[in-house]
N, C-alpha and C. Protein backbone atom coordinates (compact mmCIF):
# COMPACT_ATOMS: atom_id res chain seq x y z
N MET A 1 -4.66 -1.24 31.04
CA MET A 1 -3.27 -1.60 30.98
C MET A 1 -2.89 -1.87 29.52
N LYS A 2 -1.71 -1.45 29.13
CA LYS A 2 -1.24 -1.65 27.76
C LYS A 2 -0.90 -3.12 27.53
N ARG A 3 -1.34 -3.62 26.39
CA ARG A 3 -1.04 -4.99 26.02
C ARG A 3 0.37 -5.10 25.47
N ASN A 4 0.96 -6.25 25.64
CA ASN A 4 2.28 -6.51 25.06
C ASN A 4 2.06 -6.86 23.58
N ARG A 5 2.58 -6.02 22.67
CA ARG A 5 2.37 -6.22 21.24
C ARG A 5 3.71 -6.15 20.51
N PRO A 6 4.52 -7.21 20.59
CA PRO A 6 5.85 -7.15 19.97
C PRO A 6 5.80 -6.96 18.46
N GLU A 7 4.77 -7.51 17.78
CA GLU A 7 4.70 -7.35 16.33
C GLU A 7 4.40 -5.90 15.96
N HIS A 8 3.62 -5.19 16.77
CA HIS A 8 3.35 -3.77 16.55
C HIS A 8 4.64 -2.97 16.73
N ASP A 9 5.40 -3.31 17.75
CA ASP A 9 6.68 -2.64 18.00
C ASP A 9 7.66 -2.91 16.87
N LEU A 10 7.64 -4.12 16.31
CA LEU A 10 8.52 -4.44 15.20
C LEU A 10 8.19 -3.56 13.99
N GLU A 11 6.92 -3.37 13.71
CA GLU A 11 6.51 -2.50 12.60
C GLU A 11 6.95 -1.07 12.87
N ARG A 12 6.75 -0.61 14.10
CA ARG A 12 7.16 0.76 14.47
C ARG A 12 8.67 0.90 14.35
N ASN A 13 9.41 -0.16 14.69
CA ASN A 13 10.87 -0.12 14.62
C ASN A 13 11.40 -0.13 13.20
N GLN A 14 10.56 -0.40 12.22
CA GLN A 14 10.94 -0.27 10.82
C GLN A 14 10.64 1.14 10.33
N VAL A 15 9.51 1.68 10.75
CA VAL A 15 9.07 3.00 10.29
C VAL A 15 9.96 4.11 10.84
N CYS A 16 10.28 4.06 12.12
CA CYS A 16 11.05 5.14 12.75
C CYS A 16 12.43 5.35 12.12
N PRO A 17 13.25 4.31 11.93
CA PRO A 17 14.55 4.55 11.28
C PRO A 17 14.41 5.03 9.84
N PHE A 18 13.39 4.55 9.14
CA PHE A 18 13.16 5.00 7.77
C PHE A 18 12.93 6.51 7.74
N PHE A 19 12.03 6.99 8.60
CA PHE A 19 11.75 8.43 8.65
C PHE A 19 12.96 9.21 9.18
N SER A 20 13.64 8.69 10.18
CA SER A 20 14.80 9.39 10.73
C SER A 20 15.87 9.59 9.67
N GLY A 21 16.05 8.59 8.81
CA GLY A 21 17.03 8.69 7.74
C GLY A 21 16.72 9.78 6.73
N LEU A 22 15.47 10.22 6.68
CA LEU A 22 15.06 11.30 5.79
C LEU A 22 15.13 12.67 6.46
N GLY A 23 15.56 12.69 7.71
CA GLY A 23 15.66 13.96 8.44
C GLY A 23 14.38 14.35 9.15
N ILE A 24 13.53 13.38 9.44
CA ILE A 24 12.26 13.64 10.13
C ILE A 24 12.47 13.44 11.62
N ASP A 25 12.00 14.41 12.42
CA ASP A 25 12.02 14.29 13.88
C ASP A 25 10.76 13.55 14.31
N ILE A 26 10.93 12.45 15.03
CA ILE A 26 9.81 11.59 15.40
C ILE A 26 9.58 11.66 16.91
N TYR A 27 8.32 11.83 17.28
CA TYR A 27 7.93 11.85 18.68
C TYR A 27 6.86 10.77 18.89
N PRO A 28 7.27 9.61 19.44
CA PRO A 28 6.28 8.56 19.68
C PRO A 28 5.33 8.95 20.81
N THR A 29 4.09 8.55 20.66
CA THR A 29 3.12 8.76 21.73
C THR A 29 2.95 7.45 22.47
N SER A 30 2.31 7.50 23.60
CA SER A 30 2.13 6.32 24.42
C SER A 30 0.66 5.97 24.52
N ALA A 31 0.38 4.68 24.62
CA ALA A 31 -1.01 4.23 24.78
C ALA A 31 -1.59 4.71 26.11
N ARG A 32 -0.72 5.13 27.03
CA ARG A 32 -1.20 5.56 28.35
C ARG A 32 -1.38 7.07 28.46
N ASN A 33 -1.27 7.79 27.34
CA ASN A 33 -1.42 9.24 27.37
C ASN A 33 -2.77 9.69 27.92
N HIS A 34 -3.81 8.91 27.69
CA HIS A 34 -5.13 9.32 28.16
C HIS A 34 -5.19 9.39 29.69
N VAL A 35 -4.28 8.67 30.37
CA VAL A 35 -4.25 8.71 31.83
C VAL A 35 -3.83 10.11 32.31
N ILE A 36 -2.99 10.80 31.53
CA ILE A 36 -2.55 12.13 31.94
C ILE A 36 -3.34 13.25 31.26
N GLY A 37 -4.46 12.89 30.63
CA GLY A 37 -5.35 13.91 30.09
C GLY A 37 -5.33 14.09 28.58
N ILE A 38 -4.49 13.34 27.88
CA ILE A 38 -4.48 13.42 26.42
C ILE A 38 -5.53 12.44 25.90
N ARG A 39 -6.32 12.89 24.95
CA ARG A 39 -7.41 12.06 24.43
C ARG A 39 -6.91 10.76 23.80
N LYS A 40 -7.73 9.75 23.88
CA LYS A 40 -7.44 8.48 23.20
C LYS A 40 -7.51 8.72 21.70
N GLY A 41 -6.77 7.91 20.95
CA GLY A 41 -6.84 7.96 19.51
C GLY A 41 -5.74 8.74 18.83
N VAL A 42 -4.90 9.46 19.60
CA VAL A 42 -3.79 10.21 19.01
C VAL A 42 -2.86 9.22 18.30
N ALA A 43 -2.37 9.61 17.13
CA ALA A 43 -1.52 8.73 16.32
C ALA A 43 -0.28 8.28 17.09
N ASP A 44 0.28 7.16 16.68
CA ASP A 44 1.46 6.58 17.33
C ASP A 44 2.70 7.47 17.20
N LEU A 45 2.84 8.13 16.05
CA LEU A 45 4.04 8.94 15.80
C LEU A 45 3.64 10.34 15.36
N ILE A 46 4.22 11.32 16.00
CA ILE A 46 4.08 12.72 15.58
C ILE A 46 5.39 13.05 14.89
N CYS A 47 5.31 13.44 13.62
CA CYS A 47 6.51 13.60 12.79
C CYS A 47 6.65 15.03 12.31
N PHE A 48 7.82 15.61 12.56
CA PHE A 48 8.13 16.96 12.10
C PHE A 48 9.28 16.88 11.11
N TRP A 49 9.12 17.55 9.98
CA TRP A 49 10.13 17.55 8.93
C TRP A 49 10.62 18.97 8.76
N PRO A 50 11.59 19.39 9.59
CA PRO A 50 12.03 20.79 9.60
C PRO A 50 12.53 21.30 8.24
N LYS A 51 13.23 20.45 7.48
CA LYS A 51 13.78 20.90 6.20
C LYS A 51 12.69 21.26 5.20
N LEU A 52 11.50 20.68 5.39
CA LEU A 52 10.39 20.97 4.49
C LEU A 52 9.35 21.89 5.14
N GLY A 53 9.54 22.22 6.43
CA GLY A 53 8.57 23.04 7.14
C GLY A 53 7.21 22.36 7.16
N PHE A 54 7.20 21.10 7.57
CA PHE A 54 6.05 20.24 7.36
C PHE A 54 5.93 19.25 8.51
N HIS A 55 4.71 18.90 8.89
CA HIS A 55 4.51 17.87 9.91
C HIS A 55 3.34 16.97 9.51
N PHE A 56 3.31 15.77 10.10
CA PHE A 56 2.23 14.83 9.83
C PHE A 56 2.14 13.83 10.98
N TYR A 57 1.05 13.07 11.00
CA TYR A 57 0.85 12.03 12.00
C TYR A 57 0.91 10.67 11.31
N PHE A 58 1.45 9.68 12.03
CA PHE A 58 1.55 8.34 11.48
C PHE A 58 0.99 7.35 12.49
N GLU A 59 -0.04 6.62 12.09
CA GLU A 59 -0.63 5.58 12.93
C GLU A 59 -0.13 4.23 12.43
N VAL A 60 0.64 3.54 13.26
CA VAL A 60 1.20 2.24 12.88
C VAL A 60 0.11 1.18 13.01
N LYS A 61 -0.16 0.53 11.88
CA LYS A 61 -1.14 -0.56 11.86
C LYS A 61 -0.55 -1.72 11.10
N MET A 62 -0.79 -2.91 11.59
CA MET A 62 -0.33 -4.12 10.92
C MET A 62 -1.44 -4.66 10.03
N GLU A 63 -1.05 -5.45 9.07
CA GLU A 63 -2.01 -6.07 8.17
C GLU A 63 -3.06 -6.83 8.98
N GLY A 64 -4.31 -6.64 8.65
CA GLY A 64 -5.40 -7.34 9.34
C GLY A 64 -5.92 -6.61 10.57
N LYS A 65 -5.30 -5.52 10.97
CA LYS A 65 -5.76 -4.75 12.13
C LYS A 65 -6.55 -3.54 11.66
N ARG A 66 -7.41 -3.02 12.52
CA ARG A 66 -8.26 -1.88 12.18
C ARG A 66 -8.08 -0.76 13.19
N GLN A 67 -8.42 0.46 12.74
CA GLN A 67 -8.43 1.61 13.64
C GLN A 67 -9.54 1.44 14.67
N THR A 68 -9.34 2.08 15.82
CA THR A 68 -10.43 2.19 16.79
C THR A 68 -11.27 3.40 16.40
N LYS A 69 -12.41 3.54 17.01
CA LYS A 69 -13.26 4.70 16.74
C LYS A 69 -12.52 5.99 17.09
N GLU A 70 -11.78 6.00 18.21
CA GLU A 70 -11.04 7.18 18.62
C GLU A 70 -9.96 7.55 17.60
N GLN A 71 -9.28 6.54 17.05
CA GLN A 71 -8.26 6.79 16.02
C GLN A 71 -8.90 7.35 14.76
N TYR A 72 -10.06 6.82 14.41
CA TYR A 72 -10.78 7.32 13.24
C TYR A 72 -11.19 8.78 13.45
N ASP A 73 -11.69 9.11 14.63
CA ASP A 73 -12.07 10.49 14.93
C ASP A 73 -10.87 11.42 14.85
N PHE A 74 -9.71 10.95 15.33
CA PHE A 74 -8.49 11.75 15.24
C PHE A 74 -8.11 11.97 13.77
N GLU A 75 -8.23 10.92 12.97
CA GLU A 75 -7.94 11.06 11.53
C GLU A 75 -8.86 12.10 10.89
N LEU A 76 -10.13 12.08 11.23
CA LEU A 76 -11.07 13.07 10.69
C LEU A 76 -10.67 14.49 11.10
N SER A 77 -10.19 14.65 12.33
CA SER A 77 -9.72 15.97 12.78
C SER A 77 -8.51 16.42 11.96
N CYS A 78 -7.62 15.49 11.66
CA CYS A 78 -6.45 15.82 10.84
C CYS A 78 -6.89 16.25 9.45
N ILE A 79 -7.81 15.51 8.86
CA ILE A 79 -8.30 15.84 7.52
C ILE A 79 -8.96 17.21 7.52
N ALA A 80 -9.75 17.49 8.56
CA ALA A 80 -10.47 18.77 8.63
C ALA A 80 -9.52 19.96 8.76
N THR A 81 -8.34 19.74 9.32
CA THR A 81 -7.38 20.84 9.51
C THR A 81 -6.23 20.79 8.50
N GLY A 82 -6.29 19.87 7.54
CA GLY A 82 -5.29 19.81 6.48
C GLY A 82 -3.95 19.25 6.91
N VAL A 83 -3.93 18.43 7.96
CA VAL A 83 -2.69 17.81 8.42
C VAL A 83 -2.67 16.37 7.94
N PRO A 84 -1.64 15.93 7.23
CA PRO A 84 -1.60 14.55 6.75
C PRO A 84 -1.60 13.54 7.90
N TYR A 85 -2.36 12.49 7.72
CA TYR A 85 -2.46 11.38 8.66
C TYR A 85 -2.20 10.13 7.84
N VAL A 86 -1.11 9.43 8.14
CA VAL A 86 -0.74 8.24 7.38
C VAL A 86 -1.04 7.03 8.24
N LEU A 87 -1.66 6.04 7.63
CA LEU A 87 -2.13 4.86 8.34
C LEU A 87 -1.50 3.62 7.72
N GLY A 88 -0.79 2.83 8.51
CA GLY A 88 -0.21 1.59 8.00
C GLY A 88 1.15 1.29 8.58
N GLY A 89 1.99 0.68 7.76
CA GLY A 89 3.32 0.27 8.19
C GLY A 89 4.40 0.84 7.28
N ILE A 90 5.47 0.08 7.12
CA ILE A 90 6.61 0.57 6.35
C ILE A 90 6.24 0.78 4.88
N ASP A 91 5.40 -0.07 4.31
CA ASP A 91 4.99 0.11 2.92
C ASP A 91 4.23 1.42 2.73
N GLU A 92 3.36 1.74 3.66
CA GLU A 92 2.59 2.98 3.58
C GLU A 92 3.49 4.20 3.82
N ALA A 93 4.51 4.03 4.67
CA ALA A 93 5.47 5.12 4.87
C ALA A 93 6.21 5.41 3.56
N MET A 94 6.60 4.35 2.86
CA MET A 94 7.26 4.53 1.56
C MET A 94 6.31 5.16 0.55
N ASP A 95 5.05 4.71 0.53
CA ASP A 95 4.06 5.30 -0.37
C ASP A 95 3.91 6.79 -0.13
N PHE A 96 3.94 7.19 1.13
CA PHE A 96 3.77 8.60 1.48
C PHE A 96 4.94 9.43 0.95
N VAL A 97 6.15 8.91 1.08
CA VAL A 97 7.34 9.62 0.60
C VAL A 97 7.32 9.72 -0.94
N VAL A 98 6.84 8.66 -1.59
CA VAL A 98 6.69 8.70 -3.05
C VAL A 98 5.62 9.72 -3.43
N PHE A 99 4.52 9.75 -2.68
CA PHE A 99 3.45 10.73 -2.92
C PHE A 99 3.98 12.16 -2.85
N LEU A 100 4.90 12.40 -1.91
CA LEU A 100 5.48 13.74 -1.75
C LEU A 100 6.50 14.07 -2.84
N GLU A 101 6.73 13.11 -3.74
CA GLU A 101 7.68 13.26 -4.85
C GLU A 101 9.13 13.42 -4.37
N LEU A 102 9.43 12.77 -3.24
CA LEU A 102 10.78 12.79 -2.69
C LEU A 102 11.53 11.50 -3.03
N ALA A 103 10.79 10.55 -3.57
CA ALA A 103 11.37 9.25 -3.92
C ALA A 103 10.56 8.66 -5.07
N GLU A 104 11.10 7.56 -5.61
CA GLU A 104 10.39 6.85 -6.66
C GLU A 104 10.42 5.37 -6.35
N ARG A 105 9.40 4.65 -6.77
CA ARG A 105 9.31 3.21 -6.54
C ARG A 105 10.31 2.47 -7.42
N VAL A 106 10.98 1.51 -6.79
CA VAL A 106 11.89 0.61 -7.51
C VAL A 106 11.59 -0.78 -6.98
N GLY A 107 10.71 -1.50 -7.67
CA GLY A 107 10.29 -2.82 -7.20
C GLY A 107 9.59 -2.70 -5.85
N PRO A 108 9.98 -3.54 -4.89
CA PRO A 108 9.31 -3.52 -3.59
C PRO A 108 9.83 -2.42 -2.65
N THR A 109 10.81 -1.66 -3.11
CA THR A 109 11.39 -0.62 -2.26
C THR A 109 11.33 0.72 -2.99
N ILE A 110 12.02 1.73 -2.46
CA ILE A 110 12.03 3.04 -3.10
C ILE A 110 13.46 3.54 -3.23
N ARG A 111 13.64 4.50 -4.11
CA ARG A 111 14.92 5.19 -4.25
C ARG A 111 14.64 6.65 -3.93
N VAL A 112 15.27 7.15 -2.89
CA VAL A 112 15.09 8.55 -2.49
C VAL A 112 15.86 9.43 -3.46
N LYS A 113 15.20 10.48 -3.93
CA LYS A 113 15.83 11.42 -4.86
C LYS A 113 16.86 12.26 -4.12
N PRO A 114 17.87 12.77 -4.81
CA PRO A 114 18.81 13.69 -4.16
C PRO A 114 18.05 14.92 -3.65
N ARG A 115 18.48 15.45 -2.52
CA ARG A 115 17.74 16.56 -1.90
C ARG A 115 17.60 17.77 -2.81
N ASN A 116 18.54 17.98 -3.72
CA ASN A 116 18.41 19.14 -4.61
C ASN A 116 17.31 18.94 -5.66
N LYS A 117 16.75 17.73 -5.74
CA LYS A 117 15.65 17.46 -6.67
C LYS A 117 14.31 17.36 -5.94
N TRP A 118 14.29 17.59 -4.63
CA TRP A 118 13.03 17.58 -3.89
C TRP A 118 12.24 18.84 -4.25
N PRO A 119 10.91 18.77 -4.19
CA PRO A 119 10.11 19.97 -4.44
C PRO A 119 10.44 21.07 -3.43
N ILE A 120 10.17 22.31 -3.80
CA ILE A 120 10.46 23.42 -2.90
C ILE A 120 9.47 23.46 -1.74
N LYS A 121 9.85 24.16 -0.66
CA LYS A 121 9.07 24.20 0.58
C LYS A 121 7.62 24.61 0.37
N ASP A 122 7.39 25.64 -0.45
CA ASP A 122 6.03 26.17 -0.60
C ASP A 122 5.06 25.14 -1.17
N SER A 123 5.55 24.13 -1.85
CA SER A 123 4.66 23.14 -2.46
C SER A 123 4.05 22.20 -1.43
N PHE A 124 4.49 22.27 -0.17
CA PHE A 124 3.96 21.37 0.86
C PHE A 124 2.84 22.00 1.68
N VAL A 125 2.44 23.21 1.35
CA VAL A 125 1.43 23.91 2.13
C VAL A 125 0.09 23.17 2.13
N ASP A 126 -0.36 22.68 1.00
CA ASP A 126 -1.67 22.03 0.90
C ASP A 126 -1.59 20.52 0.84
N ILE A 127 -0.47 19.95 1.27
CA ILE A 127 -0.26 18.52 1.12
C ILE A 127 -1.27 17.70 1.93
N GLY A 128 -1.73 18.21 3.07
CA GLY A 128 -2.71 17.47 3.88
C GLY A 128 -3.99 17.23 3.12
N ASN A 129 -4.49 18.25 2.45
CA ASN A 129 -5.72 18.11 1.66
C ASN A 129 -5.49 17.19 0.47
N GLU A 130 -4.34 17.32 -0.18
CA GLU A 130 -4.04 16.46 -1.32
C GLU A 130 -3.95 15.00 -0.88
N TRP A 131 -3.27 14.77 0.26
CA TRP A 131 -3.11 13.40 0.75
C TRP A 131 -4.46 12.80 1.12
N SER A 132 -5.32 13.57 1.78
CA SER A 132 -6.60 13.02 2.22
C SER A 132 -7.49 12.62 1.05
N GLN A 133 -7.24 13.19 -0.14
CA GLN A 133 -8.05 12.86 -1.31
C GLN A 133 -7.33 11.91 -2.27
N SER A 134 -6.11 11.51 -1.93
CA SER A 134 -5.32 10.68 -2.85
C SER A 134 -5.79 9.23 -2.85
N ASN A 135 -5.50 8.54 -3.94
CA ASN A 135 -5.83 7.12 -4.04
C ASN A 135 -5.05 6.29 -3.04
N GLN A 136 -3.78 6.65 -2.79
CA GLN A 136 -2.98 5.90 -1.82
C GLN A 136 -3.59 5.96 -0.44
N ARG A 137 -4.00 7.14 -0.02
CA ARG A 137 -4.60 7.29 1.30
C ARG A 137 -5.90 6.50 1.37
N ASN A 138 -6.70 6.53 0.31
CA ASN A 138 -7.96 5.78 0.30
C ASN A 138 -7.72 4.28 0.36
N GLU A 139 -6.70 3.80 -0.34
CA GLU A 139 -6.37 2.37 -0.28
C GLU A 139 -5.92 1.98 1.13
N ASN A 140 -5.11 2.82 1.75
CA ASN A 140 -4.67 2.56 3.13
C ASN A 140 -5.88 2.50 4.06
N PHE A 141 -6.80 3.43 3.85
CA PHE A 141 -7.97 3.47 4.73
C PHE A 141 -8.81 2.20 4.56
N LEU A 142 -8.98 1.74 3.34
CA LEU A 142 -9.78 0.54 3.12
C LEU A 142 -9.14 -0.67 3.78
N ARG A 143 -7.81 -0.69 3.85
CA ARG A 143 -7.12 -1.83 4.47
C ARG A 143 -7.11 -1.76 6.00
N PHE A 144 -6.97 -0.55 6.55
CA PHE A 144 -6.79 -0.42 7.99
C PHE A 144 -7.86 0.40 8.70
N GLY A 145 -8.75 1.02 7.92
CA GLY A 145 -9.65 2.02 8.48
C GLY A 145 -10.75 1.48 9.37
N TYR A 146 -11.27 2.39 10.17
CA TYR A 146 -12.38 2.08 11.06
C TYR A 146 -13.64 1.97 10.21
N ARG A 147 -14.43 0.97 10.46
CA ARG A 147 -15.70 0.82 9.74
C ARG A 147 -16.84 0.92 10.75
N LYS A 148 -17.69 1.90 10.55
CA LYS A 148 -18.84 2.06 11.44
C LYS A 148 -19.86 0.98 11.14
N ALA A 149 -20.58 0.60 12.16
CA ALA A 149 -21.63 -0.40 11.97
C ALA A 149 -22.74 0.20 11.11
N ALA A 150 -23.27 -0.61 10.21
CA ALA A 150 -24.33 -0.12 9.29
C ALA A 150 -25.65 0.01 10.01
């Protein structure tokens, strides 16, 4: 049975409008998907960015929480296939948009660049591999990532 997690929903409710405002189509997944045959560990949000011809997965995690083994395995599958997997909350969502060079940091928030200054579509082809090797992704993983027992 799914636990009642209002603080997780609050974090998700910050991330979804932020992405929607950028023109991203968001498809939330449910914790009960495994009951209908979908594997455990699928990210919380499946995000499609039609204007950029680009998609990614977003796993909402709060400070102090960790991925499950299934979520970690899903992240590894994303990395292996070059699909970006973002782990964290609203700050990590902003970091990802800055990484894509669609915005710039301004103190604790970001300023989105005008759309005519966004990189061209073809530059997003290898973004999954770039993201998986980036310092931002590694920092996110250290904060929220699954740690196997030694």
